PDB file of all heavy atoms in Angstrom:
ATOM      1  N   ILE A   1       0.668  10.587   2.717  1.00  0.00           N
ATOM      2  CA  ILE A   1      -0.423   9.610   2.840  1.00  0.00           C
ATOM      3  C   ILE A   1       0.113   8.181   2.738  1.00  0.00           C
ATOM      4  O   ILE A   1      -0.271   7.288   3.504  1.00  0.00           O
ATOM      5  CB  ILE A   1      -1.489   9.874   1.761  1.00  0.00           C
ATOM      6  CG1 ILE A   1      -2.188  11.211   2.040  1.00  0.00           C
ATOM      7  CG2 ILE A   1      -2.507   8.742   1.710  1.00  0.00           C
ATOM      8  CD1 ILE A   1      -3.174  11.619   0.968  1.00  0.00           C
ATOM      9  N   SER A   2       1.034   7.952   1.784  1.00  0.00           N
ATOM     10  CA  SER A   2       1.612   6.608   1.652  1.00  0.00           C
ATOM     11  C   SER A   2       2.436   6.237   2.885  1.00  0.00           C
ATOM     12  O   SER A   2       2.455   5.077   3.303  1.00  0.00           O
ATOM     13  CB  SER A   2       2.479   6.550   0.390  1.00  0.00           C
ATOM     14  OG  SER A   2       3.572   7.440   0.494  1.00  0.00           O
ATOM     15  N   PHE A   3       3.097   7.216   3.486  1.00  0.00           N
ATOM     16  CA  PHE A   3       3.870   6.940   4.705  1.00  0.00           C
ATOM     17  C   PHE A   3       2.950   6.543   5.860  1.00  0.00           C
ATOM     18  O   PHE A   3       3.260   5.618   6.632  1.00  0.00           O
ATOM     19  CB  PHE A   3       4.693   8.174   5.069  1.00  0.00           C
ATOM     20  CG  PHE A   3       5.500   8.032   6.326  1.00  0.00           C
ATOM     21  CD1 PHE A   3       6.589   7.171   6.378  1.00  0.00           C
ATOM     22  CD2 PHE A   3       5.165   8.742   7.466  1.00  0.00           C
ATOM     23  CE1 PHE A   3       7.333   7.033   7.545  1.00  0.00           C
ATOM     24  CE2 PHE A   3       5.901   8.615   8.631  1.00  0.00           C
ATOM     25  CZ  PHE A   3       6.988   7.758   8.668  1.00  0.00           C
ATOM     26  N   LEU A   4       1.815   7.242   5.983  1.00  0.00           N
ATOM     27  CA  LEU A   4       0.850   6.871   7.028  1.00  0.00           C
ATOM     28  C   LEU A   4       0.297   5.474   6.788  1.00  0.00           C
ATOM     29  O   LEU A   4       0.100   4.692   7.737  1.00  0.00           O
ATOM     30  CB  LEU A   4      -0.281   7.895   7.070  1.00  0.00           C
ATOM     31  CG  LEU A   4       0.050   9.296   7.605  1.00  0.00           C
ATOM     32  CD1 LEU A   4      -1.189  10.177   7.578  1.00  0.00           C
ATOM     33  CD2 LEU A   4       0.609   9.229   9.015  1.00  0.00           C
ATOM     34  N   MET A   5       0.010   5.142   5.517  1.00  0.00           N
ATOM     35  CA  MET A   5      -0.472   3.795   5.202  1.00  0.00           C
ATOM     36  C   MET A   5       0.569   2.742   5.565  1.00  0.00           C
ATOM     37  O   MET A   5       0.248   1.679   6.109  1.00  0.00           O
ATOM     38  CB  MET A   5      -0.815   3.706   3.707  1.00  0.00           C
ATOM     39  CG  MET A   5      -2.015   4.553   3.300  1.00  0.00           C
ATOM     40  SD  MET A   5      -2.184   4.702   1.502  1.00  0.00           S
ATOM     41  CE  MET A   5      -2.365   2.985   1.041  1.00  0.00           C
ATOM     42  N   TRP A   6       1.845   3.019   5.287  1.00  0.00           N
ATOM     43  CA  TRP A   6       2.919   2.068   5.600  1.00  0.00           C
ATOM     44  C   TRP A   6       3.063   1.883   7.104  1.00  0.00           C
ATOM     45  O   TRP A   6       3.220   0.758   7.588  1.00  0.00           O
ATOM     46  CB  TRP A   6       4.220   2.564   4.982  1.00  0.00           C
ATOM     47  CG  TRP A   6       5.396   1.688   5.270  1.00  0.00           C
ATOM     48  CD1 TRP A   6       5.686   0.481   4.726  1.00  0.00           C
ATOM     49  CD2 TRP A   6       6.450   1.973   6.201  1.00  0.00           C
ATOM     50  NE1 TRP A   6       6.846  -0.024   5.241  1.00  0.00           N
ATOM     51  CE2 TRP A   6       7.345   0.883   6.157  1.00  0.00           C
ATOM     52  CE3 TRP A   6       6.738   3.036   7.046  1.00  0.00           C
ATOM     53  CZ2 TRP A   6       8.494   0.832   6.932  1.00  0.00           C
ATOM     54  CZ3 TRP A   6       7.882   2.981   7.813  1.00  0.00           C
ATOM     55  CH2 TRP A   6       8.738   1.893   7.759  1.00  0.00           C
ATOM     56  N   LEU A   7       2.995   2.994   7.864  1.00  0.00           N
ATOM     57  CA  LEU A   7       3.083   2.880   9.317  1.00  0.00           C
ATOM     58  C   LEU A   7       1.923   2.061   9.876  1.00  0.00           C
ATOM     59  O   LEU A   7       2.099   1.250  10.790  1.00  0.00           O
ATOM     60  CB  LEU A   7       3.081   4.272   9.949  1.00  0.00           C
ATOM     61  CG  LEU A   7       4.374   5.088   9.858  1.00  0.00           C
ATOM     62  CD1 LEU A   7       4.186   6.441  10.531  1.00  0.00           C
ATOM     63  CD2 LEU A   7       5.540   4.346  10.504  1.00  0.00           C
ATOM     64  N   THR A   8       0.738   2.256   9.333  1.00  0.00           N
ATOM     65  CA  THR A   8      -0.418   1.489   9.799  1.00  0.00           C
ATOM     66  C   THR A   8      -0.264   0.003   9.492  1.00  0.00           C
ATOM     67  O   THR A   8      -0.639  -0.860  10.297  1.00  0.00           O
ATOM     68  CB  THR A   8      -1.693   2.028   9.144  1.00  0.00           C
ATOM     69  OG1 THR A   8      -1.792   3.440   9.392  1.00  0.00           O
ATOM     70  CG2 THR A   8      -2.924   1.335   9.702  1.00  0.00           C
ATOM     71  N   SER A   9       0.314  -0.312   8.329  1.00  0.00           N
ATOM     72  CA  SER A   9       0.451  -1.716   7.927  1.00  0.00           C
ATOM     73  C   SER A   9       1.515  -2.461   8.730  1.00  0.00           C
ATOM     74  O   SER A   9       1.547  -3.697   8.712  1.00  0.00           O
ATOM     75  CB  SER A   9       0.791  -1.807   6.438  1.00  0.00           C
ATOM     76  OG  SER A   9       2.083  -1.277   6.184  1.00  0.00           O
ATOM     77  N   LEU A  10       2.411  -1.762   9.423  1.00  0.00           N
ATOM     78  CA  LEU A  10       3.459  -2.428  10.198  1.00  0.00           C
ATOM     79  C   LEU A  10       2.889  -3.242  11.358  1.00  0.00           C
ATOM     80  O   LEU A  10       3.603  -4.063  11.943  1.00  0.00           O
ATOM     81  CB  LEU A  10       4.456  -1.392  10.732  1.00  0.00           C
ATOM     82  CG  LEU A  10       5.342  -0.716   9.677  1.00  0.00           C
ATOM     83  CD1 LEU A  10       6.277   0.273  10.340  1.00  0.00           C
ATOM     84  CD2 LEU A  10       6.138  -1.753   8.889  1.00  0.00           C
ATOM     85  N   TRP A  11       1.624  -3.020  11.692  1.00  0.00           N
ATOM     86  CA  TRP A  11       1.011  -3.818  12.751  1.00  0.00           C
ATOM     87  C   TRP A  11       0.980  -5.303  12.384  1.00  0.00           C
ATOM     88  O   TRP A  11       1.027  -6.160  13.260  1.00  0.00           O
ATOM     89  CB  TRP A  11      -0.404  -3.301  12.982  1.00  0.00           C
ATOM     90  CG  TRP A  11      -1.129  -4.008  14.078  1.00  0.00           C
ATOM     91  CD1 TRP A  11      -2.030  -5.016  13.949  1.00  0.00           C
ATOM     92  CD2 TRP A  11      -0.998  -3.772  15.472  1.00  0.00           C
ATOM     93  NE1 TRP A  11      -2.484  -5.425  15.166  1.00  0.00           N
ATOM     94  CE2 TRP A  11      -1.861  -4.670  16.134  1.00  0.00           C
ATOM     95  CE3 TRP A  11      -0.233  -2.884  16.238  1.00  0.00           C
ATOM     96  CZ2 TRP A  11      -1.982  -4.704  17.513  1.00  0.00           C
ATOM     97  CZ3 TRP A  11      -0.361  -2.911  17.608  1.00  0.00           C
ATOM     98  CH2 TRP A  11      -1.219  -3.816  18.235  1.00  0.00           C
ATOM     99  N   GLY A  12       0.932  -5.572  11.088  1.00  0.00           N
ATOM    100  CA  GLY A  12       0.938  -6.965  10.655  1.00  0.00           C
ATOM    101  C   GLY A  12       2.293  -7.469  10.218  1.00  0.00           C
ATOM    102  O   GLY A  12       2.376  -8.562   9.643  1.00  0.00           O
ATOM    103  N   GLY A  13       3.357  -6.705  10.454  1.00  0.00           N
ATOM    104  CA  GLY A  13       4.698  -7.113  10.060  1.00  0.00           C
ATOM    105  C   GLY A  13       5.032  -6.675   8.642  1.00  0.00           C
ATOM    106  O   GLY A  13       4.341  -5.842   8.039  1.00  0.00           O
ATOM    107  N   PHE A  14       6.111  -7.232   8.100  1.00  0.00           N
ATOM    108  CA  PHE A  14       6.568  -6.918   6.750  1.00  0.00           C
ATOM    109  C   PHE A  14       6.123  -8.035   5.816  1.00  0.00           C
ATOM    110  O   PHE A  14       6.397  -9.197   6.064  1.00  0.00           O
ATOM    111  CB  PHE A  14       8.086  -6.773   6.711  1.00  0.00           C
ATOM    112  CG  PHE A  14       8.582  -5.572   7.453  1.00  0.00           C
ATOM    113  CD1 PHE A  14       8.980  -5.667   8.779  1.00  0.00           C
ATOM    114  CD2 PHE A  14       8.641  -4.331   6.833  1.00  0.00           C
ATOM    115  CE1 PHE A  14       9.424  -4.562   9.472  1.00  0.00           C
ATOM    116  CE2 PHE A  14       9.086  -3.221   7.524  1.00  0.00           C
ATOM    117  CZ  PHE A  14       9.483  -3.340   8.849  1.00  0.00           C
ATOM    118  N   GLY A  15       5.465  -7.659   4.731  1.00  0.00           N
ATOM    119  CA  GLY A  15       5.015  -8.645   3.760  1.00  0.00           C
ATOM    120  C   GLY A  15       3.983  -8.061   2.828  1.00  0.00           C
ATOM    121  O   GLY A  15       2.815  -8.464   2.897  1.00  0.00           O
ATOM    122  N   PRO A  16       4.342  -7.103   1.972  1.00  0.00           N
ATOM    123  CA  PRO A  16       3.358  -6.505   1.066  1.00  0.00           C
ATOM    124  C   PRO A  16       2.851  -7.528   0.066  1.00  0.00           C
ATOM    125  O   PRO A  16       3.597  -8.356  -0.444  1.00  0.00           O
ATOM    126  CB  PRO A  16       4.141  -5.383   0.381  1.00  0.00           C
ATOM    127  CG  PRO A  16       5.573  -5.783   0.499  1.00  0.00           C
ATOM    128  CD  PRO A  16       5.698  -6.523   1.771  1.00  0.00           C
ATOM    129  N   SER A  17       1.550  -7.417  -0.225  1.00  0.00           N
ATOM    130  CA  SER A  17       0.937  -8.348  -1.170  1.00  0.00           C
ATOM    131  C   SER A  17       1.019  -7.804  -2.591  1.00  0.00           C
ATOM    132  O   SER A  17       1.166  -6.599  -2.816  1.00  0.00           O
ATOM    133  CB  SER A  17      -0.529  -8.582  -0.795  1.00  0.00           C
ATOM    134  OG  SER A  17      -1.283  -7.388  -0.958  1.00  0.00           O
ATOM    135  N   LEU A  18       0.915  -8.722  -3.561  1.00  0.00           N
ATOM    136  CA  LEU A  18       0.991  -8.325  -4.965  1.00  0.00           C
ATOM    137  C   LEU A  18      -0.192  -7.457  -5.360  1.00  0.00           C
ATOM    138  O   LEU A  18      -0.023  -6.466  -6.093  1.00  0.00           O
ATOM    139  CB  LEU A  18       1.033  -9.583  -5.841  1.00  0.00           C
ATOM    140  CG  LEU A  18       1.025  -9.346  -7.359  1.00  0.00           C
ATOM    141  CD1 LEU A  18       2.239  -8.538  -7.786  1.00  0.00           C
ATOM    142  CD2 LEU A  18       0.953 -10.674  -8.104  1.00  0.00           C
ATOM    143  N   TRP A  19      -1.381  -7.804  -4.883  1.00  0.00           N
ATOM    144  CA  TRP A  19      -2.548  -7.011  -5.224  1.00  0.00           C
ATOM    145  C   TRP A  19      -2.457  -5.605  -4.640  1.00  0.00           C
ATOM    146  O   TRP A  19      -2.934  -4.638  -5.254  1.00  0.00           O
ATOM    147  CB  TRP A  19      -3.818  -7.704  -4.727  1.00  0.00           C
ATOM    148  CG  TRP A  19      -4.142  -8.945  -5.476  1.00  0.00           C
ATOM    149  CD1 TRP A  19      -4.036 -10.231  -5.030  1.00  0.00           C
ATOM    150  CD2 TRP A  19      -4.608  -9.026  -6.826  1.00  0.00           C
ATOM    151  NE1 TRP A  19      -4.416 -11.113  -6.001  1.00  0.00           N
ATOM    152  CE2 TRP A  19      -4.781 -10.402  -7.131  1.00  0.00           C
ATOM    153  CE3 TRP A  19      -4.903  -8.094  -7.818  1.00  0.00           C
ATOM    154  CZ2 TRP A  19      -5.222 -10.847  -8.366  1.00  0.00           C
ATOM    155  CZ3 TRP A  19      -5.354  -8.533  -9.051  1.00  0.00           C
ATOM    156  CH2 TRP A  19      -5.507  -9.888  -9.319  1.00  0.00           C
ATOM    157  N   GLY A  20      -1.849  -5.477  -3.489  1.00  0.00           N
ATOM    158  CA  GLY A  20      -1.632  -4.151  -2.928  1.00  0.00           C
ATOM    159  C   GLY A  20      -0.684  -3.328  -3.774  1.00  0.00           C
ATOM    160  O   GLY A  20      -0.906  -2.126  -4.013  1.00  0.00           O
ATOM    161  N   TRP A  21       0.402  -3.977  -4.246  1.00  0.00           N
ATOM    162  CA  TRP A  21       1.339  -3.282  -5.142  1.00  0.00           C
ATOM    163  C   TRP A  21       0.601  -2.761  -6.371  1.00  0.00           C
ATOM    164  O   TRP A  21       0.747  -1.597  -6.765  1.00  0.00           O
ATOM    165  CB  TRP A  21       2.452  -4.234  -5.564  1.00  0.00           C
ATOM    166  CG  TRP A  21       3.633  -4.263  -4.643  1.00  0.00           C
ATOM    167  CD1 TRP A  21       3.829  -5.082  -3.594  1.00  0.00           C
ATOM    168  CD2 TRP A  21       4.785  -3.412  -4.709  1.00  0.00           C
ATOM    169  NE1 TRP A  21       5.028  -4.833  -2.981  1.00  0.00           N
ATOM    170  CE2 TRP A  21       5.641  -3.800  -3.654  1.00  0.00           C
ATOM    171  CE3 TRP A  21       5.170  -2.379  -5.540  1.00  0.00           C
ATOM    172  CZ2 TRP A  21       6.859  -3.179  -3.413  1.00  0.00           C
ATOM    173  CZ3 TRP A  21       6.390  -1.760  -5.315  1.00  0.00           C
ATOM    174  CH2 TRP A  21       7.216  -2.147  -4.253  1.00  0.00           C
ATOM    175  N   LEU A  22      -0.182  -3.629  -7.007  1.00  0.00           N
ATOM    176  CA  LEU A  22      -0.875  -3.238  -8.232  1.00  0.00           C
ATOM    177  C   LEU A  22      -1.880  -2.113  -7.969  1.00  0.00           C
ATOM    178  O   LEU A  22      -2.009  -1.174  -8.774  1.00  0.00           O
ATOM    179  CB  LEU A  22      -1.589  -4.454  -8.827  1.00  0.00           C
ATOM    180  CG  LEU A  22      -0.673  -5.594  -9.313  1.00  0.00           C
ATOM    181  CD1 LEU A  22      -1.512  -6.772  -9.795  1.00  0.00           C
ATOM    182  CD2 LEU A  22       0.253  -5.108 -10.418  1.00  0.00           C
ATOM    183  N   ALA A  23      -2.603  -2.209  -6.851  1.00  0.00           N
ATOM    184  CA  ALA A  23      -3.559  -1.153  -6.518  1.00  0.00           C
ATOM    185  C   ALA A  23      -2.865   0.182  -6.294  1.00  0.00           C
ATOM    186  O   ALA A  23      -3.353   1.235  -6.730  1.00  0.00           O
ATOM    187  CB  ALA A  23      -4.366  -1.549  -5.281  1.00  0.00           C
ATOM    188  N   GLY A  24      -1.717   0.176  -5.626  1.00  0.00           N
ATOM    189  CA  GLY A  24      -0.988   1.417  -5.406  1.00  0.00           C
ATOM    190  C   GLY A  24      -0.428   2.004  -6.691  1.00  0.00           C
ATOM    191  O   GLY A  24      -0.378   3.232  -6.858  1.00  0.00           O
ATOM    192  N   LEU A  25      -0.010   1.124  -7.631  1.00  0.00           N
ATOM    193  CA  LEU A  25       0.559   1.623  -8.883  1.00  0.00           C
ATOM    194  C   LEU A  25      -0.489   2.301  -9.774  1.00  0.00           C
ATOM    195  O   LEU A  25      -0.158   3.239 -10.512  1.00  0.00           O
ATOM    196  CB  LEU A  25       1.219   0.470  -9.644  1.00  0.00           C
ATOM    197  CG  LEU A  25       2.504  -0.107  -9.012  1.00  0.00           C
ATOM    198  CD1 LEU A  25       2.972  -1.321  -9.787  1.00  0.00           C
ATOM    199  CD2 LEU A  25       3.602   0.955  -8.960  1.00  0.00           C
ATOM    200  N   VAL A  26      -1.739   1.818  -9.722  1.00  0.00           N
ATOM    201  CA  VAL A  26      -2.773   2.399 -10.592  1.00  0.00           C
ATOM    202  C   VAL A  26      -3.685   3.369  -9.838  1.00  0.00           C
ATOM    203  O   VAL A  26      -4.645   3.884 -10.419  1.00  0.00           O
ATOM    204  CB  VAL A  26      -3.632   1.281 -11.227  1.00  0.00           C
ATOM    205  CG1 VAL A  26      -2.777   0.346 -12.034  1.00  0.00           C
ATOM    206  CG2 VAL A  26      -4.420   0.522 -10.158  1.00  0.00           C
ATOM    207  N   ALA A  27      -3.391   3.635  -8.560  1.00  0.00           N
ATOM    208  CA  ALA A  27      -4.304   4.461  -7.754  1.00  0.00           C
ATOM    209  C   ALA A  27      -4.431   5.864  -8.326  1.00  0.00           C
ATOM    210  O   ALA A  27      -5.535   6.390  -8.486  1.00  0.00           O
ATOM    211  CB  ALA A  27      -3.812   4.513  -6.309  1.00  0.00           C
ATOM    212  N   ILE A  28      -3.307   6.507  -8.656  1.00  0.00           N
ATOM    213  CA  ILE A  28      -3.355   7.887  -9.166  1.00  0.00           C
ATOM    214  C   ILE A  28      -4.018   7.935 -10.532  1.00  0.00           C
ATOM    215  O   ILE A  28      -4.818   8.839 -10.829  1.00  0.00           O
ATOM    216  CB  ILE A  28      -1.939   8.478  -9.210  1.00  0.00           C
ATOM    217  CG1 ILE A  28      -1.364   8.546  -7.790  1.00  0.00           C
ATOM    218  CG2 ILE A  28      -1.950   9.860  -9.833  1.00  0.00           C
ATOM    219  CD1 ILE A  28       0.063   9.049  -7.736  1.00  0.00           C
ATOM    220  N   ALA A  29      -3.702   6.963 -11.398  1.00  0.00           N
ATOM    221  CA  ALA A  29      -4.301   6.942 -12.737  1.00  0.00           C
ATOM    222  C   ALA A  29      -5.811   6.769 -12.684  1.00  0.00           C
ATOM    223  O   ALA A  29      -6.532   7.261 -13.554  1.00  0.00           O
ATOM    224  CB  ALA A  29      -3.663   5.826 -13.568  1.00  0.00           C
ATOM    225  N   VAL A  30      -6.321   6.076 -11.672  1.00  0.00           N
ATOM    226  CA  VAL A  30      -7.769   5.895 -11.533  1.00  0.00           C
ATOM    227  C   VAL A  30      -8.399   7.090 -10.817  1.00  0.00           C
ATOM    228  O   VAL A  30      -9.516   7.516 -11.143  1.00  0.00           O
ATOM    229  CB  VAL A  30      -8.061   4.588 -10.772  1.00  0.00           C
ATOM    230  CG1 VAL A  30      -9.549   4.461 -10.460  1.00  0.00           C
ATOM    231  CG2 VAL A  30      -7.584   3.387 -11.575  1.00  0.00           C
ATOM    232  N   GLU A  31      -7.671   7.665  -9.871  1.00  0.00           N
ATOM    233  CA  GLU A  31      -8.242   8.730  -9.061  1.00  0.00           C
ATOM    234  C   GLU A  31      -8.372  10.040  -9.831  1.00  0.00           C
ATOM    235  O   GLU A  31      -9.337  10.796  -9.626  1.00  0.00           O
ATOM    236  CB  GLU A  31      -7.363   8.930  -7.814  1.00  0.00           C
ATOM    237  CG  GLU A  31      -7.917   9.928  -6.807  1.00  0.00           C
ATOM    238  CD  GLU A  31      -7.476  11.357  -7.079  1.00  0.00           C
ATOM    239  OE1 GLU A  31      -6.457  11.534  -7.802  1.00  0.00           O
ATOM    240  OE2 GLU A  31      -8.143  12.285  -6.593  1.00  0.00           O
TER     241      GLU A  31
END
């Protein structure tokens, strides 16, 4: 799932945001 999300995000180039990092780090703990 994370690989599919990364492939989809490549449409906008390389540049992950800080809020995205934080959301991904706590996603499993919240889910």
